[in-house]
Amino acid sequence: MAVWFVFAVPLVIMFFALFMERVEARLRHVAVQETDVEEFLEQARPDEVRALYGHGIGRALELFRLRRLGGRAAKLRGRRGRG
């Protein structure tokens, strides 16, 4: 009986570690990066802060990124119109 524990416990631990590695890899792609949060906290507008409070960091960062992309798009349109 003890022989089964000698073989089963390391195998269970190994499979659990492999499973957790796969979970961690998926979360790494979904999770918010530290640099994104720092940039948000430095440059956020009041409506984005309200979104952070009301809906969480995901929605607040979405609004923040849309604002940044909108500003870049306006700059590109201005450059194209001049040229």
Protein backbone atom coordinates (compact mmCIF):
# COMPACT_ATOMS: atom_id res chain seq x y z
CA MET A 1 0.00 0.00 0.00
CA ALA A 2 2.80 2.43 0.84
CA VAL A 3 4.34 1.77 -2.58
CA TRP A 4 1.27 3.28 -4.25
CA PHE A 5 1.66 6.46 -2.22
CA VAL A 6 5.33 6.66 -3.18
CA PHE A 7 4.35 6.68 -6.86
CA ALA A 8 1.00 8.46 -6.69
CA VAL A 9 1.92 11.54 -4.64
CA PRO A 10 4.77 12.74 -6.91
CA LEU A 11 2.63 12.12 -10.01
CA VAL A 12 -0.28 14.08 -8.56
CA ILE A 13 2.04 16.94 -7.64
CA MET A 14 3.63 16.91 -11.10
CA PHE A 15 0.28 16.99 -12.90
CA PHE A 16 -0.98 19.74 -10.61
CA ALA A 17 2.14 21.82 -11.36
CA LEU A 18 1.69 21.33 -15.12
CA PHE A 19 -1.97 22.31 -14.87
CA MET A 20 -1.16 25.42 -12.86
CA GLU A 21 1.52 26.42 -15.39
CA ARG A 22 -1.08 26.34 -18.17
CA VAL A 23 -3.49 28.40 -16.08
CA GLU A 24 -0.76 30.93 -15.31
CA ALA A 25 0.18 31.23 -18.99
CA ARG A 26 -3.42 32.06 -19.91
CA LEU A 27 -3.71 34.60 -17.11
CA ARG A 28 -0.50 36.30 -18.17
CA HIS A 29 -2.11 37.25 -21.49
CA VAL A 30 -5.37 38.40 -19.93
CA ALA A 31 -4.02 40.24 -16.89
CA VAL A 32 -3.42 43.98 -16.77
CA GLN A 33 0.23 44.97 -16.98
CA GLU A 34 1.82 47.06 -14.25
CA THR A 35 2.99 49.69 -16.72
CA ASP A 36 -0.59 50.13 -18.00
CA VAL A 37 -1.86 50.75 -14.47
CA GLU A 38 0.94 53.21 -13.69
CA GLU A 39 0.30 55.16 -16.88
CA PHE A 40 -3.44 55.16 -16.19
CA LEU A 41 -3.00 56.47 -12.66
CA GLU A 42 -0.71 59.26 -13.88
CA GLN A 43 -2.87 60.44 -16.81
CA ALA A 44 -6.47 59.42 -16.06
CA ARG A 45 -9.34 61.85 -16.49
CA PRO A 46 -12.26 62.08 -14.03
CA ASP A 47 -14.61 59.96 -16.20
CA GLU A 48 -11.96 57.23 -16.40
CA VAL A 49 -11.50 57.32 -12.62
CA ARG A 50 -15.29 56.98 -12.21
CA ALA A 51 -15.18 53.97 -14.53
CA LEU A 52 -12.40 52.50 -12.39
CA TYR A 53 -14.53 52.94 -9.28
CA GLY A 54 -17.77 51.73 -10.84
CA HIS A 55 -16.73 49.04 -13.29
CA GLY A 56 -13.19 48.00 -12.42
CA ILE A 57 -9.78 48.38 -14.00
CA GLY A 58 -10.72 46.64 -17.26
CA ARG A 59 -13.36 49.17 -18.29
CA ALA A 60 -11.29 52.11 -17.05
CA LEU A 61 -8.27 51.02 -19.10
CA GLU A 62 -10.53 50.50 -22.10
CA LEU A 63 -11.72 54.12 -21.89
CA PHE A 64 -8.15 55.31 -21.35
CA ARG A 65 -6.86 53.42 -24.39
CA LEU A 66 -9.73 54.66 -26.56
CA ARG A 67 -8.93 58.24 -25.58
CA ARG A 68 -5.25 57.76 -26.37
CA LEU A 69 -6.02 56.11 -29.71
CA GLY A 70 -8.52 58.86 -30.54
CA GLY A 71 -5.87 61.50 -29.91
CA ARG A 72 -3.37 59.72 -32.10
CA ALA A 73 -5.93 59.29 -34.87
CA ALA A 74 -6.72 63.02 -34.76
CA LYS A 75 -3.02 63.85 -34.99
CA LEU A 76 -2.60 61.56 -37.99
CA ARG A 77 -5.64 63.06 -39.70
CA GLY A 78 -4.20 66.53 -39.13
CA ARG A 79 -0.88 65.56 -40.66
CA ARG A 80 -2.51 63.95 -43.68
CA GLY A 81 -4.75 66.99 -44.27
CA ARG A 82 -1.75 69.32 -44.32
CA GLY A 83 0.34 67.18 -46.66
